[in-house]
Amino acid sequence: MSEQSNYLLCLYHQCLKWPLGDRIFSAMFARKAPYFATIKPLIKELKPNYCELTFKKRKAVENHIGTVHAIALCNGLEMAMGALAEASIPKHLRWIPKAMNVRYTAKADSDITVIAQLSADAWQEGDVAVPVEARKTDGTQVIVGEIIIYVSAKPAK
């Protein structure tokens, strides 16, 4: 699939032409599921089968011990996966989240970078596991997992 034929990638590249375009695009995408906005994400890179976003460690996403809350991390994982899926899925298919499996591997005590990445040949009907992870600013992985999406053919119109 070419980047020009995907509505989300077209919008992303169009927004990047504007001052603060990455922030504008990220805010627009976060409105698709309002809980995404709670982490104030910034999509740093979006291309077929890849999304990278960041968000800052701040009081609103901290837990009782001062680290980034588990649900804030999962919001980041789900947003990156959703952007990847919308930017990558072949036009004749559709997707919906089915499950999320994660492991917390370290305390998230800094700003966070989230990556979702999938091989291009993974797009087929049925369950598709999208690998996701988040890292601290020093590169330490804080959460790793997969989000299972159910992929099916779009109904005929």
N, C-alpha and C. Protein backbone atom coordinates (compact mmCIF):
# COMPACT_ATOMS: atom_id res chain seq x y z
N MET A 1 0.84 -1.17 0.00
CA MET A 1 0.00 0.00 0.00
C MET A 1 0.89 1.24 0.00
N SER A 2 0.59 2.17 -0.85
CA SER A 2 1.37 3.39 -0.87
C SER A 2 0.86 4.35 0.21
N GLU A 3 1.77 5.16 0.71
CA GLU A 3 1.40 6.12 1.74
C GLU A 3 0.37 7.12 1.22
N GLN A 4 0.38 7.40 -0.06
CA GLN A 4 -0.56 8.37 -0.62
C GLN A 4 -1.98 7.82 -0.68
N SER A 5 -2.15 6.50 -0.65
CA SER A 5 -3.49 5.93 -0.77
C SER A 5 -4.17 5.73 0.59
N ASN A 6 -3.49 5.98 1.67
CA ASN A 6 -4.05 5.79 2.99
C ASN A 6 -4.45 7.15 3.58
N TYR A 7 -5.70 7.26 3.99
CA TYR A 7 -6.22 8.55 4.48
C TYR A 7 -5.44 9.07 5.68
N LEU A 8 -5.05 8.19 6.61
CA LEU A 8 -4.37 8.66 7.81
C LEU A 8 -2.95 9.13 7.50
N LEU A 9 -2.24 8.39 6.65
CA LEU A 9 -0.89 8.80 6.27
C LEU A 9 -0.92 10.11 5.47
N CYS A 10 -1.93 10.27 4.62
CA CYS A 10 -2.08 11.54 3.87
C CYS A 10 -2.29 12.69 4.84
N LEU A 11 -3.17 12.51 5.81
CA LEU A 11 -3.42 13.56 6.80
C LEU A 11 -2.17 13.85 7.62
N TYR A 12 -1.45 12.81 8.01
CA TYR A 12 -0.21 12.98 8.79
C TYR A 12 0.80 13.82 8.01
N HIS A 13 1.04 13.47 6.76
CA HIS A 13 2.04 14.21 5.96
C HIS A 13 1.56 15.63 5.65
N GLN A 14 0.27 15.80 5.48
CA GLN A 14 -0.28 17.14 5.27
C GLN A 14 -0.06 18.00 6.52
N CYS A 15 -0.34 17.45 7.68
CA CYS A 15 -0.16 18.20 8.92
C CYS A 15 1.31 18.54 9.17
N LEU A 16 2.22 17.65 8.80
CA LEU A 16 3.64 17.91 9.04
C LEU A 16 4.15 19.13 8.27
N LYS A 17 3.42 19.59 7.28
CA LYS A 17 3.81 20.78 6.53
C LYS A 17 3.54 22.06 7.31
N TRP A 18 2.73 21.99 8.33
CA TRP A 18 2.35 23.17 9.11
C TRP A 18 3.26 23.33 10.33
N PRO A 19 3.39 24.56 10.81
CA PRO A 19 4.08 24.74 12.10
C PRO A 19 3.32 23.96 13.18
N LEU A 20 4.03 23.26 14.00
CA LEU A 20 3.45 22.42 15.06
C LEU A 20 2.51 21.34 14.50
N GLY A 21 2.72 20.97 13.25
CA GLY A 21 1.86 20.00 12.59
C GLY A 21 1.82 18.65 13.29
N ASP A 22 2.96 18.22 13.86
CA ASP A 22 2.96 16.93 14.56
C ASP A 22 2.05 16.98 15.79
N ARG A 23 2.03 18.13 16.46
CA ARG A 23 1.14 18.29 17.63
C ARG A 23 -0.32 18.34 17.21
N ILE A 24 -0.58 19.03 16.11
CA ILE A 24 -1.96 19.12 15.60
C ILE A 24 -2.47 17.73 15.22
N PHE A 25 -1.65 16.99 14.46
CA PHE A 25 -2.06 15.65 14.06
C PHE A 25 -2.27 14.75 15.28
N SER A 26 -1.35 14.79 16.22
CA SER A 26 -1.46 13.95 17.41
C SER A 26 -2.74 14.25 18.19
N ALA A 27 -3.06 15.53 18.32
CA ALA A 27 -4.29 15.91 19.03
C ALA A 27 -5.52 15.44 18.27
N MET A 28 -5.49 15.56 16.95
CA MET A 28 -6.62 15.09 16.13
C MET A 28 -6.80 13.58 16.28
N PHE A 29 -5.71 12.85 16.20
CA PHE A 29 -5.82 11.40 16.32
C PHE A 29 -6.27 10.99 17.72
N ALA A 30 -5.78 11.68 18.73
CA ALA A 30 -6.15 11.36 20.11
C ALA A 30 -7.65 11.54 20.36
N ARG A 31 -8.30 12.36 19.56
CA ARG A 31 -9.75 12.55 19.71
C ARG A 31 -10.55 11.34 19.24
N LYS A 32 -9.93 10.43 18.48
CA LYS A 32 -10.63 9.21 18.05
C LYS A 32 -11.07 8.39 19.26
N ALA A 33 -10.28 8.38 20.29
CA ALA A 33 -10.62 7.73 21.56
C ALA A 33 -10.18 8.72 22.65
N PRO A 34 -11.11 9.46 23.23
CA PRO A 34 -10.75 10.57 24.11
C PRO A 34 -9.77 10.23 25.25
N TYR A 35 -9.76 8.97 25.71
CA TYR A 35 -8.82 8.63 26.77
C TYR A 35 -7.37 8.71 26.29
N PHE A 36 -7.13 8.62 24.98
CA PHE A 36 -5.76 8.81 24.48
C PHE A 36 -5.23 10.19 24.87
N ALA A 37 -6.09 11.19 24.84
CA ALA A 37 -5.67 12.56 25.12
C ALA A 37 -5.17 12.73 26.56
N THR A 38 -5.55 11.83 27.46
CA THR A 38 -5.15 11.97 28.86
C THR A 38 -3.63 11.91 29.04
N ILE A 39 -2.93 11.28 28.09
CA ILE A 39 -1.47 11.20 28.21
C ILE A 39 -0.76 12.32 27.44
N LYS A 40 -1.53 13.11 26.70
CA LYS A 40 -0.98 14.18 25.85
C LYS A 40 0.13 13.64 24.94
N PRO A 41 -0.22 12.70 24.08
CA PRO A 41 0.78 12.04 23.23
C PRO A 41 1.24 12.91 22.07
N LEU A 42 2.42 12.60 21.59
CA LEU A 42 2.97 13.24 20.40
C LEU A 42 3.47 12.13 19.48
N ILE A 43 2.82 11.98 18.32
CA ILE A 43 3.27 10.98 17.35
C ILE A 43 4.52 11.51 16.67
N LYS A 44 5.63 10.83 16.86
CA LYS A 44 6.93 11.25 16.31
C LYS A 44 7.16 10.70 14.91
N GLU A 45 6.64 9.48 14.66
CA GLU A 45 6.82 8.87 13.34
C GLU A 45 5.65 7.93 13.07
N LEU A 46 5.11 8.04 11.88
CA LEU A 46 4.03 7.17 11.46
C LEU A 46 4.28 6.78 10.01
N LYS A 47 4.34 5.50 9.77
CA LYS A 47 4.51 4.97 8.41
C LYS A 47 3.84 3.61 8.39
N PRO A 48 3.66 3.02 7.23
CA PRO A 48 3.02 1.70 7.21
C PRO A 48 3.73 0.73 8.15
N ASN A 49 2.93 0.12 9.01
CA ASN A 49 3.40 -0.92 9.94
C ASN A 49 4.35 -0.42 11.03
N TYR A 50 4.33 0.88 11.30
CA TYR A 50 5.20 1.44 12.35
C TYR A 50 4.61 2.73 12.89
N CYS A 51 4.57 2.83 14.21
CA CYS A 51 4.20 4.09 14.87
C CYS A 51 5.07 4.26 16.11
N GLU A 52 5.58 5.47 16.26
CA GLU A 52 6.33 5.83 17.45
C GLU A 52 5.73 7.10 18.02
N LEU A 53 5.43 7.08 19.31
CA LEU A 53 4.91 8.26 19.97
C LEU A 53 5.60 8.45 21.31
N THR A 54 5.49 9.66 21.82
CA THR A 54 6.07 9.97 23.13
C THR A 54 5.03 10.66 23.99
N PHE A 55 5.25 10.59 25.28
CA PHE A 55 4.49 11.43 26.20
C PHE A 55 5.34 11.70 27.43
N LYS A 56 5.05 12.81 28.06
CA LYS A 56 5.85 13.26 29.20
C LYS A 56 5.35 12.67 30.51
N LYS A 57 6.29 12.37 31.38
CA LYS A 57 5.95 11.99 32.75
C LYS A 57 5.55 13.29 33.45
N ARG A 58 4.32 13.34 33.90
CA ARG A 58 3.81 14.51 34.61
C ARG A 58 2.82 14.03 35.65
N LYS A 59 2.46 14.89 36.55
CA LYS A 59 1.61 14.51 37.68
C LYS A 59 0.34 13.77 37.25
N ALA A 60 -0.28 14.20 36.17
CA ALA A 60 -1.56 13.61 35.73
C ALA A 60 -1.44 12.15 35.30
N VAL A 61 -0.24 11.67 34.98
CA VAL A 61 -0.08 10.27 34.57
C VAL A 61 0.74 9.46 35.58
N GLU A 62 0.96 10.02 36.76
CA GLU A 62 1.73 9.32 37.78
C GLU A 62 0.83 8.52 38.71
N ASN A 63 1.42 7.48 39.29
CA ASN A 63 0.73 6.70 40.31
C ASN A 63 1.18 7.16 41.70
N HIS A 64 0.83 6.42 42.71
CA HIS A 64 1.12 6.79 44.09
C HIS A 64 2.61 6.75 44.44
N ILE A 65 3.43 6.09 43.63
CA ILE A 65 4.88 6.06 43.92
C ILE A 65 5.67 7.00 43.00
N GLY A 66 4.96 7.79 42.20
CA GLY A 66 5.63 8.79 41.38
C GLY A 66 6.16 8.30 40.05
N THR A 67 5.74 7.11 39.62
CA THR A 67 6.12 6.62 38.30
C THR A 67 4.91 6.71 37.37
N VAL A 68 5.14 6.53 36.08
CA VAL A 68 4.03 6.59 35.13
C VAL A 68 3.10 5.41 35.39
N HIS A 69 1.83 5.71 35.52
CA HIS A 69 0.81 4.73 35.85
C HIS A 69 0.67 3.68 34.75
N ALA A 70 0.38 2.46 35.14
CA ALA A 70 0.24 1.34 34.20
C ALA A 70 -0.80 1.62 33.12
N ILE A 71 -1.90 2.24 33.49
CA ILE A 71 -2.95 2.50 32.50
C ILE A 71 -2.50 3.58 31.52
N ALA A 72 -1.73 4.55 31.97
CA ALA A 72 -1.18 5.55 31.04
C ALA A 72 -0.27 4.88 30.02
N LEU A 73 0.54 3.94 30.49
CA LEU A 73 1.40 3.19 29.57
C LEU A 73 0.57 2.40 28.57
N CYS A 74 -0.48 1.74 29.05
CA CYS A 74 -1.34 0.97 28.15
C CYS A 74 -2.08 1.87 27.16
N ASN A 75 -2.47 3.07 27.60
CA ASN A 75 -3.08 4.03 26.66
C ASN A 75 -2.11 4.35 25.53
N GLY A 76 -0.84 4.55 25.86
CA GLY A 76 0.16 4.82 24.84
C GLY A 76 0.33 3.65 23.89
N LEU A 77 0.37 2.44 24.44
CA LEU A 77 0.49 1.24 23.60
C LEU A 77 -0.69 1.13 22.65
N GLU A 78 -1.90 1.33 23.18
CA GLU A 78 -3.08 1.17 22.35
C GLU A 78 -3.17 2.26 21.28
N MET A 79 -2.76 3.48 21.62
CA MET A 79 -2.79 4.55 20.61
C MET A 79 -1.80 4.27 19.48
N ALA A 80 -0.59 3.85 19.84
CA ALA A 80 0.41 3.54 18.81
C ALA A 80 -0.06 2.40 17.93
N MET A 81 -0.65 1.36 18.54
CA MET A 81 -1.17 0.25 17.75
C MET A 81 -2.29 0.71 16.84
N GLY A 82 -3.19 1.55 17.35
CA GLY A 82 -4.32 2.02 16.56
C GLY A 82 -3.88 2.86 15.37
N ALA A 83 -2.90 3.72 15.59
CA ALA A 83 -2.37 4.53 14.48
C ALA A 83 -1.69 3.63 13.45
N LEU A 84 -0.90 2.68 13.92
CA LEU A 84 -0.27 1.72 13.01
C LEU A 84 -1.33 0.99 12.19
N ALA A 85 -2.37 0.50 12.85
CA ALA A 85 -3.40 -0.28 12.16
C ALA A 85 -4.12 0.57 11.11
N GLU A 86 -4.52 1.77 11.48
CA GLU A 86 -5.23 2.64 10.54
C GLU A 86 -4.34 3.06 9.37
N ALA A 87 -3.05 3.18 9.62
CA ALA A 87 -2.12 3.60 8.56
C ALA A 87 -1.66 2.44 7.68
N SER A 88 -2.00 1.21 8.06
CA SER A 88 -1.40 0.05 7.40
C SER A 88 -2.37 -0.96 6.82
N ILE A 89 -3.53 -1.09 7.39
CA ILE A 89 -4.43 -2.17 7.00
C ILE A 89 -4.86 -2.03 5.54
N PRO A 90 -4.84 -3.11 4.80
CA PRO A 90 -5.32 -3.05 3.41
C PRO A 90 -6.78 -2.56 3.36
N LYS A 91 -7.12 -1.88 2.28
CA LYS A 91 -8.43 -1.24 2.17
C LYS A 91 -9.61 -2.20 2.27
N HIS A 92 -9.43 -3.45 1.93
CA HIS A 92 -10.55 -4.40 1.95
C HIS A 92 -10.77 -5.03 3.32
N LEU A 93 -9.93 -4.67 4.30
CA LEU A 93 -10.03 -5.24 5.64
C LEU A 93 -10.39 -4.18 6.67
N ARG A 94 -10.86 -4.64 7.84
CA ARG A 94 -11.14 -3.77 8.97
C ARG A 94 -10.62 -4.48 10.23
N TRP A 95 -10.50 -3.74 11.31
CA TRP A 95 -9.93 -4.31 12.53
C TRP A 95 -10.67 -3.81 13.76
N ILE A 96 -10.55 -4.57 14.83
CA ILE A 96 -11.06 -4.17 16.14
C ILE A 96 -10.17 -4.82 17.20
N PRO A 97 -9.85 -4.09 18.29
CA PRO A 97 -9.03 -4.70 19.34
C PRO A 97 -9.76 -5.85 20.01
N LYS A 98 -9.00 -6.87 20.37
CA LYS A 98 -9.58 -8.06 20.98
C LYS A 98 -8.97 -8.35 22.36
N ALA A 99 -7.66 -8.15 22.49
CA ALA A 99 -7.00 -8.45 23.76
C ALA A 99 -5.68 -7.69 23.84
N MET A 100 -5.22 -7.53 25.06
CA MET A 100 -3.92 -6.89 25.29
C MET A 100 -3.19 -7.73 26.34
N ASN A 101 -1.97 -8.13 26.00
CA ASN A 101 -1.12 -8.88 26.92
C ASN A 101 0.13 -8.05 27.14
N VAL A 102 0.40 -7.68 28.40
CA VAL A 102 1.57 -6.85 28.69
C VAL A 102 2.31 -7.36 29.92
N ARG A 103 3.59 -7.02 29.94
CA ARG A 103 4.43 -7.27 31.12
C ARG A 103 5.14 -5.97 31.45
N TYR A 104 5.10 -5.60 32.70
CA TYR A 104 5.81 -4.41 33.16
C TYR A 104 7.21 -4.85 33.54
N THR A 105 8.22 -4.24 32.92
CA THR A 105 9.59 -4.74 33.07
C THR A 105 10.50 -3.83 33.88
N ALA A 106 10.07 -2.59 34.12
CA ALA A 106 10.87 -1.65 34.93
C ALA A 106 9.98 -0.49 35.34
N LYS A 107 10.40 0.24 36.35
CA LYS A 107 9.64 1.43 36.76
C LYS A 107 9.76 2.50 35.68
N ALA A 108 8.64 3.10 35.36
CA ALA A 108 8.58 4.13 34.32
C ALA A 108 8.72 5.50 34.99
N ASP A 109 9.97 5.91 35.23
CA ASP A 109 10.21 7.13 36.00
C ASP A 109 10.78 8.27 35.16
N SER A 110 10.42 8.31 33.88
CA SER A 110 10.86 9.40 32.99
C SER A 110 9.82 9.56 31.90
N ASP A 111 10.10 10.45 30.96
CA ASP A 111 9.25 10.54 29.78
C ASP A 111 9.28 9.18 29.07
N ILE A 112 8.27 8.93 28.25
CA ILE A 112 8.07 7.60 27.67
C ILE A 112 8.04 7.68 26.14
N THR A 113 8.66 6.70 25.49
CA THR A 113 8.56 6.50 24.04
C THR A 113 7.90 5.15 23.82
N VAL A 114 6.86 5.15 22.99
CA VAL A 114 6.09 3.95 22.70
C VAL A 114 6.29 3.58 21.23
N ILE A 115 6.49 2.30 20.96
CA ILE A 115 6.65 1.84 19.58
C ILE A 115 5.73 0.65 19.34
N ALA A 116 5.00 0.71 18.24
CA ALA A 116 4.22 -0.42 17.73
C ALA A 116 4.79 -0.71 16.34
N GLN A 117 5.07 -1.98 16.08
CA GLN A 117 5.67 -2.35 14.80
C GLN A 117 5.16 -3.73 14.39
N LEU A 118 4.89 -3.88 13.09
CA LEU A 118 4.32 -5.12 12.59
C LEU A 118 4.89 -5.38 11.20
N SER A 119 5.07 -6.64 10.86
CA SER A 119 5.54 -6.94 9.50
C SER A 119 4.40 -6.75 8.52
N ALA A 120 4.72 -6.32 7.32
CA ALA A 120 3.72 -6.02 6.30
C ALA A 120 2.91 -7.26 5.90
N ASP A 121 3.50 -8.44 6.01
CA ASP A 121 2.78 -9.65 5.60
C ASP A 121 1.85 -10.20 6.69
N ALA A 122 1.75 -9.51 7.81
CA ALA A 122 0.90 -9.97 8.91
C ALA A 122 -0.58 -9.68 8.69
N TRP A 123 -0.90 -8.82 7.74
CA TRP A 123 -2.29 -8.42 7.52
C TRP A 123 -3.06 -9.53 6.81
N GLN A 124 -3.83 -10.26 7.60
CA GLN A 124 -4.67 -11.33 7.09
C GLN A 124 -5.90 -11.42 8.00
N GLU A 125 -6.94 -12.06 7.52
CA GLU A 125 -8.14 -12.21 8.33
C GLU A 125 -7.86 -13.12 9.52
N GLY A 126 -8.48 -12.78 10.65
CA GLY A 126 -8.29 -13.53 11.89
C GLY A 126 -7.57 -12.69 12.92
N ASP A 127 -7.02 -13.34 13.92
CA ASP A 127 -6.30 -12.64 14.97
C ASP A 127 -4.91 -12.24 14.49
N VAL A 128 -4.56 -10.99 14.73
CA VAL A 128 -3.24 -10.48 14.39
C VAL A 128 -2.65 -9.88 15.66
N ALA A 129 -1.46 -10.34 16.05
CA ALA A 129 -0.78 -9.85 17.24
C ALA A 129 0.16 -8.71 16.84
N VAL A 130 -0.09 -7.53 17.39
CA VAL A 130 0.75 -6.36 17.10
C VAL A 130 1.72 -6.17 18.27
N PRO A 131 3.02 -6.35 18.06
CA PRO A 131 3.99 -6.13 19.13
C PRO A 131 4.07 -4.65 19.52
N VAL A 132 4.10 -4.39 20.83
CA VAL A 132 4.18 -3.03 21.36
C VAL A 132 5.16 -3.00 22.52
N GLU A 133 5.78 -1.85 22.71
CA GLU A 133 6.67 -1.67 23.85
C GLU A 133 6.80 -0.19 24.16
N ALA A 134 7.24 0.09 25.39
CA ALA A 134 7.53 1.46 25.79
C ALA A 134 8.87 1.49 26.52
N ARG A 135 9.57 2.60 26.32
CA ARG A 135 10.90 2.75 26.93
C ARG A 135 11.03 4.11 27.62
N LYS A 136 11.90 4.14 28.63
CA LYS A 136 12.24 5.40 29.29
C LYS A 136 13.22 6.16 28.41
N THR A 137 13.53 7.39 28.81
CA THR A 137 14.46 8.21 28.02
C THR A 137 15.85 7.59 27.94
N ASP A 138 16.24 6.78 28.92
CA ASP A 138 17.57 6.14 28.86
C ASP A 138 17.56 4.85 28.03
N GLY A 139 16.40 4.50 27.45
CA GLY A 139 16.30 3.31 26.62
C GLY A 139 15.82 2.07 27.34
N THR A 140 15.68 2.13 28.65
CA THR A 140 15.22 0.97 29.41
C THR A 140 13.76 0.67 29.07
N GLN A 141 13.50 -0.57 28.74
CA GLN A 141 12.13 -0.99 28.44
C GLN A 141 11.33 -1.03 29.74
N VAL A 142 10.13 -0.43 29.75
CA VAL A 142 9.30 -0.42 30.94
C VAL A 142 8.05 -1.28 30.81
N ILE A 143 7.64 -1.54 29.58
CA ILE A 143 6.48 -2.40 29.33
C ILE A 143 6.65 -3.01 27.95
N VAL A 144 6.27 -4.27 27.82
CA VAL A 144 6.34 -4.97 26.53
C VAL A 144 5.11 -5.86 26.42
N GLY A 145 4.66 -6.03 25.21
CA GLY A 145 3.52 -6.91 25.04
C GLY A 145 3.05 -6.97 23.61
N GLU A 146 1.78 -7.37 23.50
CA GLU A 146 1.15 -7.43 22.19
C GLU A 146 -0.31 -7.09 22.36
N ILE A 147 -0.84 -6.45 21.33
CA ILE A 147 -2.27 -6.18 21.29
C ILE A 147 -2.82 -7.04 20.16
N ILE A 148 -3.77 -7.89 20.52
CA ILE A 148 -4.39 -8.76 19.54
C ILE A 148 -5.57 -8.01 18.93
N ILE A 149 -5.55 -7.90 17.59
CA ILE A 149 -6.68 -7.30 16.90
C ILE A 149 -7.33 -8.37 16.04
N TYR A 150 -8.64 -8.27 15.91
CA TYR A 150 -9.36 -9.17 15.04
C TYR A 150 -9.55 -8.47 13.71
N VAL A 151 -9.06 -9.07 12.65
CA VAL A 151 -9.12 -8.51 11.31
C VAL A 151 -10.13 -9.30 10.50
N SER A 152 -11.02 -8.58 9.82
CA SER A 152 -12.02 -9.24 8.97
C SER A 152 -12.21 -8.44 7.70
N ALA A 153 -12.83 -9.07 6.72
CA ALA A 153 -13.13 -8.40 5.46
C ALA A 153 -14.25 -7.39 5.69
N LYS A 154 -14.15 -6.26 5.01
CA LYS A 154 -15.24 -5.29 5.06
C LYS A 154 -16.45 -5.89 4.34
N PRO A 155 -17.65 -5.63 4.85
CA PRO A 155 -18.81 -6.17 4.15
C PRO A 155 -19.00 -5.49 2.79
N ALA A 156 -19.56 -6.25 1.86
CA ALA A 156 -19.83 -5.69 0.54
C ALA A 156 -20.90 -4.61 0.65
N LYS A 157 -20.76 -3.58 -0.15
CA LYS A 157 -21.75 -2.48 -0.10
C LYS A 157 -22.78 -2.64 -1.18
